[in-house]
Amino acid sequence: MRNERDERTVTLIVVDDHPVVRDGLRGMFESSPGFTVLGEADNGVDAVDLAARLDPDVVLMDLRMPGGGGVDAIAELTRRRARAKVLVLTTYDTDSDTLPAIEAGATGYLLKDAPREELFTAVRAAADGRTVLSPAVASRLVSRVRTPSAPGHEGLTAREREVLVLVARGTSNREIARELFISEATVKTHLTHIFGKLGAKDRAAAVAVAYDRGILG
């Protein structure tokens, strides 16, 4: 049975320079309850304009596209403070692709070989503002996001580990607070401590570092 949150329809636009890929993704989402594809774009410049006009919950963004790449589009959406969350969906998982996309403001990063249900879950999580980062991509990020020389890299407390595990599952601050019987303010405090100890600037980077250090499985 789907829970109450799942009943909300998530709107999205699909950005990819390959028409077959766009058609496939549109068909996949439109055949599943709870999703509405508002439009498509084949480059990053058009994607920014489309997001401004249609105001989707999620932009499903490829990275390497003629006429305007995904990273520049993500940065522009971030600069404009667009409501839409960007979920990168690409075939590329190199350091030169993953980190710039996350730094530009992407909420998550998945590879195109992700299973159908994983993609659906990721889009819903992104719409809720939750970090979506596959373990494979997380491990690629580590060498670039970690700063070993920074102070405060002592171990996490048991409670901080619990919070981090939930963050890695894409759980929102409100849901973490409910599950651990603490306030949202306390969750934010734990996250601040986690970021400092791991030398990470955000949730995605913290998850990446945690996978590398064996904190997460």
C-alpha atoms as a PDB file:
ATOM      1  CA  MET A   1       0.000   0.000   0.000  1.00  0.00           C
ATOM      2  CA  ARG A   2       1.347   3.442  -0.924  1.00  0.00           C
ATOM      3  CA  ASN A   3       1.708   5.903   1.931  1.00  0.00           C
ATOM      4  CA  GLU A   4       0.157   9.364   2.001  1.00  0.00           C
ATOM      5  CA  ARG A   5       3.287  11.116   0.735  1.00  0.00           C
ATOM      6  CA  ASP A   6       3.437   8.832  -2.289  1.00  0.00           C
ATOM      7  CA  GLU A   7      -0.031   9.985  -3.321  1.00  0.00           C
ATOM      8  CA  ARG A   8       1.320  13.399  -4.349  1.00  0.00           C
ATOM      9  CA  THR A   9       1.934  13.636  -8.088  1.00  0.00           C
ATOM     10  CA  VAL A  10       5.529  14.577  -8.880  1.00  0.00           C
ATOM     11  CA  THR A  11       6.017  16.764 -11.936  1.00  0.00           C
ATOM     12  CA  LEU A  12       9.231  16.616 -13.938  1.00  0.00           C
ATOM     13  CA  ILE A  13      10.964  17.583 -17.137  1.00  0.00           C
ATOM     14  CA  VAL A  14      13.349  15.261 -18.976  1.00  0.00           C
ATOM     15  CA  VAL A  15      16.600  16.685 -20.354  1.00  0.00           C
ATOM     16  CA  ASP A  16      18.668  14.524 -22.708  1.00  0.00           C
ATOM     17  CA  ASP A  17      20.066  15.044 -26.189  1.00  0.00           C
ATOM     18  CA  HIS A  18      18.967  11.585 -27.377  1.00  0.00           C
ATOM     19  CA  PRO A  19      15.305  11.469 -28.520  1.00  0.00           C
ATOM     20  CA  VAL A  20      15.076   7.723 -27.889  1.00  0.00           C
ATOM     21  CA  VAL A  21      16.183   8.203 -24.274  1.00  0.00           C
ATOM     22  CA  ARG A  22      13.699  11.027 -23.749  1.00  0.00           C
ATOM     23  CA  ASP A  23      10.892   8.957 -25.253  1.00  0.00           C
ATOM     24  CA  GLY A  24      11.799   5.998 -23.084  1.00  0.00           C
ATOM     25  CA  LEU A  25      11.897   8.025 -19.880  1.00  0.00           C
ATOM     26  CA  ARG A  26       8.640   9.814 -20.698  1.00  0.00           C
ATOM     27  CA  GLY A  27       6.915   6.524 -21.392  1.00  0.00           C
ATOM     28  CA  MET A  28       8.283   4.983 -18.201  1.00  0.00           C
ATOM     29  CA  PHE A  29       7.099   7.811 -15.960  1.00  0.00           C
ATOM     30  CA  GLU A  30       3.769   8.376 -17.665  1.00  0.00           C
ATOM     31  CA  SER A  31       2.918   4.689 -17.327  1.00  0.00           C
ATOM     32  CA  SER A  32       3.472   4.859 -13.569  1.00  0.00           C
ATOM     33  CA  PRO A  33       0.933   6.500 -11.219  1.00  0.00           C
ATOM     34  CA  GLY A  34       2.137   9.568  -9.390  1.00  0.00           C
ATOM     35  CA  PHE A  35       4.281  11.181 -12.094  1.00  0.00           C
ATOM     36  CA  THR A  36       3.578  13.804 -14.749  1.00  0.00           C
ATOM     37  CA  VAL A  37       6.138  14.706 -17.415  1.00  0.00           C
ATOM     38  CA  LEU A  38       5.597  18.386 -18.206  1.00  0.00           C
ATOM     39  CA  GLY A  39       8.108  18.662 -21.022  1.00  0.00           C
ATOM     40  CA  GLU A  40      11.435  17.747 -22.581  1.00  0.00           C
ATOM     41  CA  ALA A  41      14.629  19.532 -23.600  1.00  0.00           C
ATOM     42  CA  ASP A  42      17.674  18.377 -25.533  1.00  0.00           C
ATOM     43  CA  ASN A  43      20.226  20.777 -24.022  1.00  0.00           C
ATOM     44  CA  GLY A  44      20.938  22.648 -20.816  1.00  0.00           C
ATOM     45  CA  VAL A  45      20.035  26.123 -22.070  1.00  0.00           C
ATOM     46  CA  ASP A  46      16.556  25.040 -23.117  1.00  0.00           C
ATOM     47  CA  ALA A  47      16.225  23.079 -19.875  1.00  0.00           C
ATOM     48  CA  VAL A  48      16.689  26.245 -17.805  1.00  0.00           C
ATOM     49  CA  ASP A  49      14.071  28.097 -19.853  1.00  0.00           C
ATOM     50  CA  LEU A  50      11.677  25.155 -19.659  1.00  0.00           C
ATOM     51  CA  ALA A  51      12.083  24.864 -15.896  1.00  0.00           C
ATOM     52  CA  ALA A  52      11.349  28.576 -15.533  1.00  0.00           C
ATOM     53  CA  ARG A  53       8.155  28.280 -17.590  1.00  0.00           C
ATOM     54  CA  LEU A  54       6.798  24.967 -16.293  1.00  0.00           C
ATOM     55  CA  ASP A  55       8.065  25.004 -12.664  1.00  0.00           C
ATOM     56  CA  PRO A  56       8.484  21.206 -12.263  1.00  0.00           C
ATOM     57  CA  ASP A  57       9.284  19.478  -8.998  1.00  0.00           C
ATOM     58  CA  VAL A  58      12.269  17.690 -10.561  1.00  0.00           C
ATOM     59  CA  VAL A  59      14.552  18.184 -13.546  1.00  0.00           C
ATOM     60  CA  LEU A  60      15.948  14.852 -14.729  1.00  0.00           C
ATOM     61  CA  MET A  61      19.224  16.059 -16.238  1.00  0.00           C
ATOM     62  CA  ASP A  62      21.805  14.486 -18.522  1.00  0.00           C
ATOM     63  CA  LEU A  63      25.290  16.028 -18.371  1.00  0.00           C
ATOM     64  CA  ARG A  64      27.030  15.993 -21.741  1.00  0.00           C
ATOM     65  CA  MET A  65      24.823  17.588 -24.385  1.00  0.00           C
ATOM     66  CA  PRO A  66      25.590  19.688 -27.477  1.00  0.00           C
ATOM     67  CA  GLY A  67      24.274  23.221 -27.202  1.00  0.00           C
ATOM     68  CA  GLY A  68      24.528  23.428 -23.427  1.00  0.00           C
ATOM     69  CA  GLY A  69      25.750  20.930 -20.851  1.00  0.00           C
ATOM     70  CA  GLY A  70      24.047  19.808 -17.682  1.00  0.00           C
ATOM     71  CA  VAL A  71      26.489  21.275 -15.154  1.00  0.00           C
ATOM     72  CA  ASP A  72      26.089  24.816 -16.494  1.00  0.00           C
ATOM     73  CA  ALA A  73      22.323  24.357 -16.469  1.00  0.00           C
ATOM     74  CA  ILE A  74      22.377  23.131 -12.868  1.00  0.00           C
ATOM     75  CA  ALA A  75      24.489  26.117 -11.827  1.00  0.00           C
ATOM     76  CA  GLU A  76      22.095  28.510 -13.564  1.00  0.00           C
ATOM     77  CA  LEU A  77      19.054  26.936 -11.923  1.00  0.00           C
ATOM     78  CA  THR A  78      20.811  27.249  -8.570  1.00  0.00           C
ATOM     79  CA  ARG A  79      21.673  30.889  -9.271  1.00  0.00           C
ATOM     80  CA  ARG A  80      18.041  31.597 -10.111  1.00  0.00           C
ATOM     81  CA  ARG A  81      16.920  29.828  -6.935  1.00  0.00           C
ATOM     82  CA  ALA A  82      14.639  27.604  -8.983  1.00  0.00           C
ATOM     83  CA  ARG A  83      12.175  25.532  -6.974  1.00  0.00           C
ATOM     84  CA  ALA A  84      12.937  22.429  -9.047  1.00  0.00           C
ATOM     85  CA  LYS A  85      15.397  19.879  -7.710  1.00  0.00           C
ATOM     86  CA  VAL A  86      17.896  18.501 -10.198  1.00  0.00           C
ATOM     87  CA  LEU A  87      18.516  14.764 -10.386  1.00  0.00           C
ATOM     88  CA  VAL A  88      21.391  13.908 -12.713  1.00  0.00           C
ATOM     89  CA  LEU A  89      20.827  10.785 -14.804  1.00  0.00           C
ATOM     90  CA  THR A  90      23.829  10.007 -16.972  1.00  0.00           C
ATOM     91  CA  THR A  91      26.186   7.293 -18.186  1.00  0.00           C
ATOM     92  CA  TYR A  92      29.232   9.138 -16.829  1.00  0.00           C
ATOM     93  CA  ASP A  93      30.602   8.524 -13.346  1.00  0.00           C
ATOM     94  CA  THR A  94      34.113   9.995 -13.600  1.00  0.00           C
ATOM     95  CA  ASP A  95      35.385  12.471 -11.006  1.00  0.00           C
ATOM     96  CA  SER A  96      35.303  15.244 -13.617  1.00  0.00           C
ATOM     97  CA  ASP A  97      31.574  14.684 -14.109  1.00  0.00           C
ATOM     98  CA  THR A  98      30.233  13.850 -10.661  1.00  0.00           C
ATOM     99  CA  LEU A  99      31.790  16.490  -8.446  1.00  0.00           C
ATOM    100  CA  PRO A 100      31.038  19.544 -10.635  1.00  0.00           C
ATOM    101  CA  ALA A 101      27.390  18.468 -10.866  1.00  0.00           C
ATOM    102  CA  ILE A 102      27.069  18.101  -7.087  1.00  0.00           C
ATOM    103  CA  GLU A 103      28.933  21.356  -6.471  1.00  0.00           C
ATOM    104  CA  ALA A 104      26.696  23.156  -8.974  1.00  0.00           C
ATOM    105  CA  GLY A 105      23.659  22.217  -6.890  1.00  0.00           C
ATOM    106  CA  ALA A 106      22.367  18.832  -8.050  1.00  0.00           C
ATOM    107  CA  THR A 107      20.256  17.107  -5.415  1.00  0.00           C
ATOM    108  CA  GLY A 108      21.350  13.686  -6.629  1.00  0.00           C
ATOM    109  CA  TYR A 109      23.288  11.671  -9.166  1.00  0.00           C
ATOM    110  CA  LEU A 110      22.287   8.340 -10.694  1.00  0.00           C
ATOM    111  CA  LEU A 111      23.612   6.302 -13.581  1.00  0.00           C
ATOM    112  CA  LYS A 112      21.387   5.277 -16.472  1.00  0.00           C
ATOM    113  CA  ASP A 113      21.699   1.603 -15.593  1.00  0.00           C
ATOM    114  CA  ALA A 114      19.701   2.218 -12.387  1.00  0.00           C
ATOM    115  CA  PRO A 115      16.675  -0.099 -12.093  1.00  0.00           C
ATOM    116  CA  ARG A 116      13.266   1.363 -12.895  1.00  0.00           C
ATOM    117  CA  GLU A 117      12.014   1.312  -9.298  1.00  0.00           C
ATOM    118  CA  GLU A 118      15.242   2.864  -8.022  1.00  0.00           C
ATOM    119  CA  LEU A 119      14.765   5.721 -10.474  1.00  0.00           C
ATOM    120  CA  PHE A 120      11.153   6.249  -9.380  1.00  0.00           C
ATOM    121  CA  THR A 121      12.214   6.298  -5.732  1.00  0.00           C
ATOM    122  CA  ALA A 122      15.055   8.692  -6.508  1.00  0.00           C
ATOM    123  CA  VAL A 123      12.789  11.150  -8.314  1.00  0.00           C
ATOM    124  CA  ARG A 124      10.345  11.164  -5.396  1.00  0.00           C
ATOM    125  CA  ALA A 125      13.202  11.641  -2.937  1.00  0.00           C
ATOM    126  CA  ALA A 126      14.634  14.487  -5.012  1.00  0.00           C
ATOM    127  CA  ALA A 127      11.217  16.150  -5.148  1.00  0.00           C
ATOM    128  CA  ASP A 128      11.231  16.112  -1.339  1.00  0.00           C
ATOM    129  CA  GLY A 129      14.699  17.676  -1.303  1.00  0.00           C
ATOM    130  CA  ARG A 130      16.409  14.526  -0.111  1.00  0.00           C
ATOM    131  CA  THR A 131      19.903  13.575  -1.249  1.00  0.00           C
ATOM    132  CA  VAL A 132      20.023  10.787  -3.829  1.00  0.00           C
ATOM    133  CA  LEU A 133      23.494   9.390  -4.393  1.00  0.00           C
ATOM    134  CA  SER A 134      24.252   5.856  -5.524  1.00  0.00           C
ATOM    135  CA  PRO A 135      27.094   4.094  -3.649  1.00  0.00           C
ATOM    136  CA  ALA A 136      29.083   3.723  -6.868  1.00  0.00           C
ATOM    137  CA  VAL A 137      28.937   7.441  -7.531  1.00  0.00           C
ATOM    138  CA  ALA A 138      29.640   8.228  -3.871  1.00  0.00           C
ATOM    139  CA  SER A 139      32.905   6.306  -3.994  1.00  0.00           C
ATOM    140  CA  ARG A 140      33.970   8.266  -7.088  1.00  0.00           C
ATOM    141  CA  LEU A 141      33.420  11.541  -5.253  1.00  0.00           C
ATOM    142  CA  VAL A 142      35.472  10.773  -2.168  1.00  0.00           C
ATOM    143  CA  SER A 143      38.940  11.727  -3.315  1.00  0.00           C
ATOM    144  CA  ARG A 144      37.705  15.146  -4.384  1.00  0.00           C
ATOM    145  CA  VAL A 145      35.287  16.053  -1.597  1.00  0.00           C
ATOM    146  CA  ARG A 146      37.371  14.889   1.361  1.00  0.00           C
ATOM    147  CA  THR A 147      39.838  17.283   2.987  1.00  0.00           C
ATOM    148  CA  PRO A 148      42.110  15.148   5.210  1.00  0.00           C
ATOM    149  CA  SER A 149      44.049  18.119   6.528  1.00  0.00           C
ATOM    150  CA  ALA A 150      40.994  19.882   7.884  1.00  0.00           C
ATOM    151  CA  PRO A 151      40.485  19.861  11.672  1.00  0.00           C
ATOM    152  CA  GLY A 152      37.692  18.021  13.438  1.00  0.00           C
ATOM    153  CA  HIS A 153      37.868  14.594  11.788  1.00  0.00           C
ATOM    154  CA  GLU A 154      37.291  12.677  15.007  1.00  0.00           C
ATOM    155  CA  GLY A 155      34.875   9.741  14.986  1.00  0.00           C
ATOM    156  CA  LEU A 156      31.128  10.114  14.916  1.00  0.00           C
ATOM    157  CA  THR A 157      28.993   9.467  17.967  1.00  0.00           C
ATOM    158  CA  ALA A 158      26.463   6.644  17.928  1.00  0.00           C
ATOM    159  CA  ARG A 159      23.613   9.128  17.414  1.00  0.00           C
ATOM    160  CA  GLU A 160      25.462  10.888  14.586  1.00  0.00           C
ATOM    161  CA  ARG A 161      25.943   7.537  12.890  1.00  0.00           C
ATOM    162  CA  GLU A 162      22.216   6.850  13.173  1.00  0.00           C
ATOM    163  CA  VAL A 163      21.452  10.208  11.573  1.00  0.00           C
ATOM    164  CA  LEU A 164      23.983   9.597   8.799  1.00  0.00           C
ATOM    165  CA  VAL A 165      22.531   6.176   7.976  1.00  0.00           C
ATOM    166  CA  LEU A 166      19.099   7.763   7.582  1.00  0.00           C
ATOM    167  CA  VAL A 167      20.531  10.571   5.448  1.00  0.00           C
ATOM    168  CA  ALA A 168      22.100   7.962   3.149  1.00  0.00           C
ATOM    169  CA  ARG A 169      18.651   6.388   2.728  1.00  0.00           C
ATOM    170  CA  GLY A 170      17.302   9.726   1.518  1.00  0.00           C
ATOM    171  CA  THR A 171      15.369  10.477   4.716  1.00  0.00           C
ATOM    172  CA  SER A 172      14.320  14.089   5.295  1.00  0.00           C
ATOM    173  CA  ASN A 173      15.153  15.996   8.496  1.00  0.00           C
ATOM    174  CA  ARG A 174      11.516  15.797   9.587  1.00  0.00           C
ATOM    175  CA  GLU A 175      11.411  12.026   9.073  1.00  0.00           C
ATOM    176  CA  ILE A 176      14.739  11.586  10.901  1.00  0.00           C
ATOM    177  CA  ALA A 177      13.384  13.567  13.831  1.00  0.00           C
ATOM    178  CA  ARG A 178      10.243  11.429  13.936  1.00  0.00           C
ATOM    179  CA  GLU A 179      12.142   8.146  13.684  1.00  0.00           C
ATOM    180  CA  LEU A 180      14.722   9.029  16.343  1.00  0.00           C
ATOM    181  CA  PHE A 181      12.266  10.883  18.612  1.00  0.00           C
ATOM    182  CA  ILE A 182      14.241  14.131  18.526  1.00  0.00           C
ATOM    183  CA  SER A 183      13.488  17.633  17.248  1.00  0.00           C
ATOM    184  CA  GLU A 184      14.328  18.847  13.758  1.00  0.00           C
ATOM    185  CA  ALA A 185      16.619  21.433  15.351  1.00  0.00           C
ATOM    186  CA  THR A 186      18.565  18.607  16.988  1.00  0.00           C
ATOM    187  CA  VAL A 187      18.801  16.792  13.658  1.00  0.00           C
ATOM    188  CA  LYS A 188      20.283  19.933  12.093  1.00  0.00           C
ATOM    189  CA  THR A 189      22.787  20.185  14.943  1.00  0.00           C
ATOM    190  CA  HIS A 190      23.852  16.574  14.417  1.00  0.00           C
ATOM    191  CA  LEU A 191      24.252  17.232  10.692  1.00  0.00           C
ATOM    192  CA  THR A 192      26.440  20.260  11.387  1.00  0.00           C
ATOM    193  CA  HIS A 193      28.674  18.102  13.595  1.00  0.00           C
ATOM    194  CA  ILE A 194      28.759  15.313  10.973  1.00  0.00           C
ATOM    195  CA  PHE A 195      29.753  17.729   8.205  1.00  0.00           C
ATOM    196  CA  GLY A 196      32.535  19.143  10.373  1.00  0.00           C
ATOM    197  CA  LYS A 197      33.905  15.769  11.406  1.00  0.00           C
ATOM    198  CA  LEU A 198      33.853  14.366   7.875  1.00  0.00           C
ATOM    199  CA  GLY A 199      35.109  17.526   6.199  1.00  0.00           C
ATOM    200  CA  ALA A 200      31.976  17.633   4.049  1.00  0.00           C
ATOM    201  CA  LYS A 201      29.985  20.682   2.999  1.00  0.00           C
ATOM    202  CA  ASP A 202      26.611  19.019   2.438  1.00  0.00           C
ATOM    203  CA  ARG A 203      24.595  15.800   2.735  1.00  0.00           C
ATOM    204  CA  ALA A 204      25.794  14.286  -0.539  1.00  0.00           C
ATOM    205  CA  ALA A 205      29.455  14.872   0.299  1.00  0.00           C
ATOM    206  CA  ALA A 206      28.981  13.456   3.811  1.00  0.00           C
ATOM    207  CA  VAL A 207      27.471  10.262   2.411  1.00  0.00           C
ATOM    208  CA  ALA A 208      30.357   9.957  -0.063  1.00  0.00           C
ATOM    209  CA  VAL A 209      32.989  10.302   2.654  1.00  0.00           C
ATOM    210  CA  ALA A 210      31.106   7.922   4.937  1.00  0.00           C
ATOM    211  CA  TYR A 211      31.098   5.162   2.292  1.00  0.00           C
ATOM    212  CA  ASP A 212      34.830   5.552   1.822  1.00  0.00           C
ATOM    213  CA  ARG A 213      35.580   5.439   5.542  1.00  0.00           C
ATOM    214  CA  GLY A 214      33.410   2.368   6.059  1.00  0.00           C
ATOM    215  CA  ILE A 215      30.902   4.222   8.235  1.00  0.00           C
ATOM    216  CA  LEU A 216      28.231   3.177   5.758  1.00  0.00           C
ATOM    217  CA  GLY A 217      28.167  -0.340   4.316  1.00  0.00           C
END
